[in-house]
N, C-alpha and C. Protein backbone atom coordinates (compact mmCIF):
# COMPACT_ATOMS: atom_id res chain seq x y z
N MET A 1 41.86 6.06 31.69
CA MET A 1 43.05 5.92 30.99
C MET A 1 43.29 4.42 31.82
N VAL A 2 43.54 3.31 31.06
CA VAL A 2 43.73 1.94 31.66
C VAL A 2 45.26 1.80 31.40
N GLU A 3 46.09 1.56 31.94
CA GLU A 3 47.52 0.95 32.15
C GLU A 3 47.63 -0.35 32.64
N GLU A 4 48.25 -1.15 32.06
CA GLU A 4 48.51 -2.18 32.70
C GLU A 4 50.43 -2.44 32.79
N ARG A 5 50.69 -2.67 34.28
CA ARG A 5 52.29 -2.77 34.12
C ARG A 5 52.39 -4.19 34.57
N THR A 6 53.71 -4.88 33.98
CA THR A 6 54.11 -5.75 34.44
C THR A 6 55.24 -5.91 34.28
N THR A 7 55.80 -6.71 35.77
CA THR A 7 57.26 -6.47 36.40
C THR A 7 58.20 -8.17 35.74
N GLN A 8 58.78 -7.91 35.27
CA GLN A 8 59.63 -9.60 35.29
C GLN A 8 61.14 -10.17 36.52
N ALA A 9 60.88 -11.09 36.16
CA ALA A 9 62.33 -11.00 37.30
C ALA A 9 63.25 -10.29 36.37
N PRO A 10 64.83 -9.87 37.62
CA PRO A 10 66.02 -9.29 37.20
C PRO A 10 66.60 -10.52 35.87
N GLN A 11 67.20 -9.44 35.21
CA GLN A 11 67.91 -9.85 33.91
C GLN A 11 69.20 -9.90 34.41
N GLY A 12 70.20 -10.03 33.34
CA GLY A 12 71.68 -9.95 34.06
C GLY A 12 72.02 -9.05 34.65
N ASN A 13 71.40 -7.68 34.12
CA ASN A 13 72.11 -6.47 35.15
C ASN A 13 71.55 -6.30 36.16
N GLY A 14 70.56 -7.21 37.11
CA GLY A 14 69.94 -7.53 38.11
C GLY A 14 68.94 -6.59 38.18
N GLN A 15 68.57 -5.50 37.08
CA GLN A 15 67.43 -4.90 37.29
C GLN A 15 65.98 -5.50 36.74
N PRO A 16 64.82 -5.33 37.07
CA PRO A 16 63.61 -6.09 36.97
C PRO A 16 63.07 -5.11 35.61
N THR A 17 62.56 -6.29 34.45
CA THR A 17 62.08 -5.47 33.82
C THR A 17 60.45 -5.53 33.59
N VAL A 18 60.05 -4.23 33.76
CA VAL A 18 58.84 -3.23 33.63
C VAL A 18 58.05 -3.19 32.14
N ILE A 19 56.77 -4.05 31.95
CA ILE A 19 56.43 -3.87 30.55
C ILE A 19 55.07 -2.95 30.95
N VAL A 20 55.15 -1.58 30.42
CA VAL A 20 53.96 -1.20 30.47
C VAL A 20 52.88 -1.27 29.07
N THR A 21 51.62 -1.70 29.38
CA THR A 21 50.58 -1.88 28.15
C THR A 21 49.58 -0.80 28.78
N ASP A 22 49.32 0.02 27.78
CA ASP A 22 48.35 0.71 27.49
C ASP A 22 47.50 0.43 26.40
N SER A 23 45.95 -0.32 26.98
CA SER A 23 45.15 -0.73 26.87
C SER A 23 43.72 0.33 25.50
N ARG A 24 44.27 1.55 25.90
CA ARG A 24 43.42 2.51 24.89
C ARG A 24 43.52 2.32 23.63
N ARG A 25 44.74 1.97 23.19
CA ARG A 25 45.54 1.58 21.94
C ARG A 25 44.61 0.33 21.35
N SER A 26 43.91 0.00 20.46
CA SER A 26 43.17 -0.52 19.34
C SER A 26 43.87 -0.77 18.13
N GLY A 27 43.49 -1.82 17.17
CA GLY A 27 44.03 -2.21 15.58
C GLY A 27 43.24 -1.66 14.85
N GLY A 28 41.54 -0.94 15.54
CA GLY A 28 40.39 -0.94 14.74
C GLY A 28 39.97 -1.80 14.33
N SER A 29 39.83 -2.88 14.93
CA SER A 29 39.29 -4.06 14.43
C SER A 29 37.60 -3.84 15.34
N GLY A 30 37.34 -2.79 16.23
CA GLY A 30 35.88 -2.32 16.72
C GLY A 30 35.22 -1.92 15.55
N TRP A 31 35.82 -1.03 15.16
CA TRP A 31 35.28 0.14 13.71
C TRP A 31 35.15 -1.18 12.38
N VAL A 32 35.55 -1.89 12.54
CA VAL A 32 35.19 -2.59 11.16
C VAL A 32 34.48 -3.79 11.75
N ILE A 33 34.23 -4.17 12.92
CA ILE A 33 32.79 -4.95 13.47
C ILE A 33 32.08 -4.05 13.45
N ALA A 34 32.20 -2.68 14.11
CA ALA A 34 30.47 -2.12 13.55
C ALA A 34 30.26 -1.71 11.94
N VAL A 35 31.39 -1.36 11.30
CA VAL A 35 31.09 -1.32 9.86
C VAL A 35 30.10 -2.43 9.22
N VAL A 36 30.64 -3.49 9.66
CA VAL A 36 30.46 -5.08 8.65
C VAL A 36 28.80 -5.07 9.01
N LEU A 37 28.35 -5.40 10.67
CA LEU A 37 27.30 -4.56 11.43
C LEU A 37 26.01 -3.81 10.84
N LEU A 38 26.62 -3.04 10.63
CA LEU A 38 25.72 -1.68 10.00
C LEU A 38 25.17 -2.38 8.62
N ILE A 39 26.30 -2.64 7.80
CA ILE A 39 26.19 -3.17 6.43
C ILE A 39 24.66 -4.64 6.32
N ALA A 40 25.31 -5.42 7.12
CA ALA A 40 24.71 -6.54 7.62
C ALA A 40 22.79 -6.12 8.03
N LEU A 41 22.53 -4.79 8.69
CA LEU A 41 21.40 -4.35 9.33
C LEU A 41 20.65 -3.83 7.77
N VAL A 42 21.49 -2.74 6.94
CA VAL A 42 21.06 -2.24 6.32
C VAL A 42 20.35 -3.38 5.04
N ALA A 43 21.02 -4.37 4.65
CA ALA A 43 20.81 -5.39 3.95
C ALA A 43 19.64 -6.35 4.16
N GLY A 44 19.80 -6.71 5.70
CA GLY A 44 18.51 -6.88 6.39
C GLY A 44 16.99 -6.31 6.34
N ILE A 45 16.96 -4.76 6.15
CA ILE A 45 15.61 -4.31 5.99
C ILE A 45 15.43 -3.86 4.54
N VAL A 46 16.45 -4.09 3.87
CA VAL A 46 16.04 -3.87 2.38
C VAL A 46 15.66 -4.79 1.95
N PHE A 47 16.29 -6.45 2.57
CA PHE A 47 15.76 -7.73 1.71
C PHE A 47 13.96 -7.65 2.34
N LEU A 48 14.02 -7.39 4.10
CA LEU A 48 12.50 -7.59 4.60
C LEU A 48 11.42 -6.60 3.65
N THR A 49 11.77 -5.26 3.19
CA THR A 49 10.87 -4.21 3.14
C THR A 49 10.43 -4.82 1.41
N ARG A 50 11.48 -5.54 0.79
CA ARG A 50 11.37 -5.94 -0.70
C ARG A 50 10.27 -7.33 -0.97
N GLY A 51 10.34 -7.95 0.59
CA GLY A 51 9.72 -9.12 0.61
C GLY A 51 8.05 -9.14 0.87
N SER A 52 8.41 -7.82 1.51
CA SER A 52 6.77 -7.26 2.17
C SER A 52 6.02 -6.66 0.63
N GLY A 53 6.68 -6.02 -0.19
CA GLY A 53 6.09 -5.46 -1.26
C GLY A 53 5.85 -6.65 -2.15
N SER A 54 6.32 -7.99 -2.35
CA SER A 54 5.48 -9.09 -3.27
C SER A 54 4.84 -9.51 -2.62
N GLU A 55 4.71 -9.30 -0.86
CA GLU A 55 3.82 -10.27 -0.69
C GLU A 55 2.10 -9.31 -1.04
N ALA A 56 1.98 -8.24 -0.96
CA ALA A 56 1.52 -7.25 -0.89
C ALA A 56 0.50 -7.64 -2.75
N ALA A 57 1.90 -7.51 -3.77
CA ALA A 57 1.36 -7.54 -4.85
C ALA A 57 0.80 -9.19 -5.12
N LYS A 58 1.59 -9.87 -4.46
CA LYS A 58 0.56 -11.17 -4.47
C LYS A 58 -0.78 -11.30 -4.10
N ASP A 59 -0.94 -10.98 -2.81
CA ASP A 59 -2.26 -10.76 -2.25
C ASP A 59 -3.08 -9.75 -3.10
N ASN A 60 -2.84 -8.70 -3.62
CA ASN A 60 -3.57 -8.11 -4.61
C ASN A 60 -3.76 -8.99 -5.93
N ALA A 61 -3.27 -9.26 -6.12
CA ALA A 61 -3.53 -10.39 -7.46
C ALA A 61 -4.51 -11.79 -7.41
N ILE A 62 -4.07 -12.56 -6.66
CA ILE A 62 -5.47 -12.95 -6.09
C ILE A 62 -6.56 -12.86 -5.49
N ALA A 63 -7.23 -11.29 -4.87
CA ALA A 63 -7.94 -10.68 -4.73
C ALA A 63 -8.66 -10.46 -6.35
N ASN A 64 -7.88 -9.91 -7.02
CA ASN A 64 -8.49 -9.68 -8.42
C ASN A 64 -9.13 -10.64 -9.25
N ALA A 65 -8.10 -12.04 -9.28
CA ALA A 65 -8.69 -13.42 -9.47
C ALA A 65 -9.85 -13.90 -9.02
N ALA A 66 -9.84 -13.49 -7.48
CA ALA A 66 -11.46 -14.13 -7.22
C ALA A 66 -12.45 -13.09 -7.42
N GLY A 67 -12.09 -11.75 -7.85
CA GLY A 67 -13.41 -11.03 -8.05
C GLY A 67 -14.05 -11.34 -9.63
N GLN A 68 -12.84 -11.91 -10.71
CA GLN A 68 -12.94 -12.17 -11.64
C GLN A 68 -13.96 -13.43 -11.95
N VAL A 69 -13.31 -14.46 -11.19
CA VAL A 69 -13.95 -15.52 -10.73
C VAL A 69 -15.46 -15.46 -10.71
N GLY A 70 -15.30 -14.64 -9.47
CA GLY A 70 -17.03 -14.12 -9.23
C GLY A 70 -18.04 -13.45 -10.07
N ASP A 71 -17.57 -12.62 -11.29
CA ASP A 71 -17.75 -11.81 -12.20
C ASP A 71 -17.89 -12.91 -13.01
N ALA A 72 -17.39 -13.82 -13.36
CA ALA A 72 -17.72 -14.81 -14.57
C ALA A 72 -19.02 -16.11 -14.40
N ALA A 73 -18.93 -15.74 -12.60
CA ALA A 73 -19.90 -17.02 -12.21
C ALA A 73 -21.09 -16.28 -12.65
N GLN A 74 -21.22 -15.02 -12.04
CA GLN A 74 -22.25 -14.15 -12.33
C GLN A 74 -23.09 -14.35 -13.89
N LYS A 75 -22.24 -14.11 -14.72
CA LYS A 75 -22.57 -13.94 -15.98
C LYS A 75 -22.82 -15.65 -16.57
N VAL A 76 -22.40 -16.58 -16.14
CA VAL A 76 -23.12 -17.99 -16.40
C VAL A 76 -24.16 -18.28 -15.70
N GLY A 77 -24.38 -17.57 -14.67
CA GLY A 77 -25.91 -17.64 -13.75
C GLY A 77 -27.21 -16.48 -14.66
N ASN A 78 -26.67 -15.64 -15.45
CA ASN A 78 -27.56 -15.19 -16.03
C ASN A 78 -27.72 -15.50 -17.07
N ALA A 79 -26.56 -15.95 -18.01
CA ALA A 79 -26.86 -16.68 -19.04
C ALA A 79 -27.92 -18.10 -18.57
N ALA A 80 -27.75 -18.80 -17.77
CA ALA A 80 -28.45 -20.21 -17.63
C ALA A 80 -29.92 -19.58 -17.57
N GLU A 81 -30.35 -18.70 -16.79
CA GLU A 81 -31.12 -17.63 -16.28
C GLU A 81 -32.48 -17.47 -17.67
N ASP A 82 -31.63 -16.26 -18.64
CA ASP A 82 -32.01 -16.58 -19.84
C ASP A 82 -32.53 -17.78 -20.66
N ALA A 83 -31.73 -18.63 -20.29
CA ALA A 83 -31.78 -20.11 -20.97
C ALA A 83 -33.45 -20.63 -20.63
N ALA A 84 -33.32 -20.70 -19.42
CA ALA A 84 -34.64 -21.05 -18.66
C ALA A 84 -35.88 -20.34 -19.07
N ASN A 85 -35.31 -18.64 -19.18
CA ASN A 85 -36.62 -18.22 -19.93
C ASN A 85 -37.27 -18.43 -21.15
N LYS A 86 -36.14 -18.63 -21.75
CA LYS A 86 -36.46 -18.81 -23.64
C LYS A 86 -37.27 -20.18 -23.58
N LEU A 87 -36.54 -21.49 -22.16
CA LEU A 87 -37.36 -23.13 -22.83
C LEU A 87 -39.05 -22.73 -22.03
N ASN A 88 -39.56 -21.53 -21.65
CA ASN A 88 -40.55 -21.67 -20.83
C ASN A 88 -41.62 -20.55 -21.95
N ASP A 89 -40.98 -20.37 -22.77
CA ASP A 89 -41.91 -18.86 -23.29
C ASP A 89 -42.15 -19.73 -24.83
């Protein structure tokens, strides 16, 4: 328990005024700050996890597109080879 005592100069009656302040009591602002920080932390985690999911989806889409381009190139190569074989025959 932390107590702070302040003594002021005597008033009209000749007695000093003693003011006792108990610092254990707070207005609850500590709890409000803690709740705000907790909400910000949860929001940050949600934002980061959703961002990672969309990044993975984008990477998968690029990989699929590259595979499709490779397949199309293979088909073009096969068609060119067939055309060259028909010209030689």
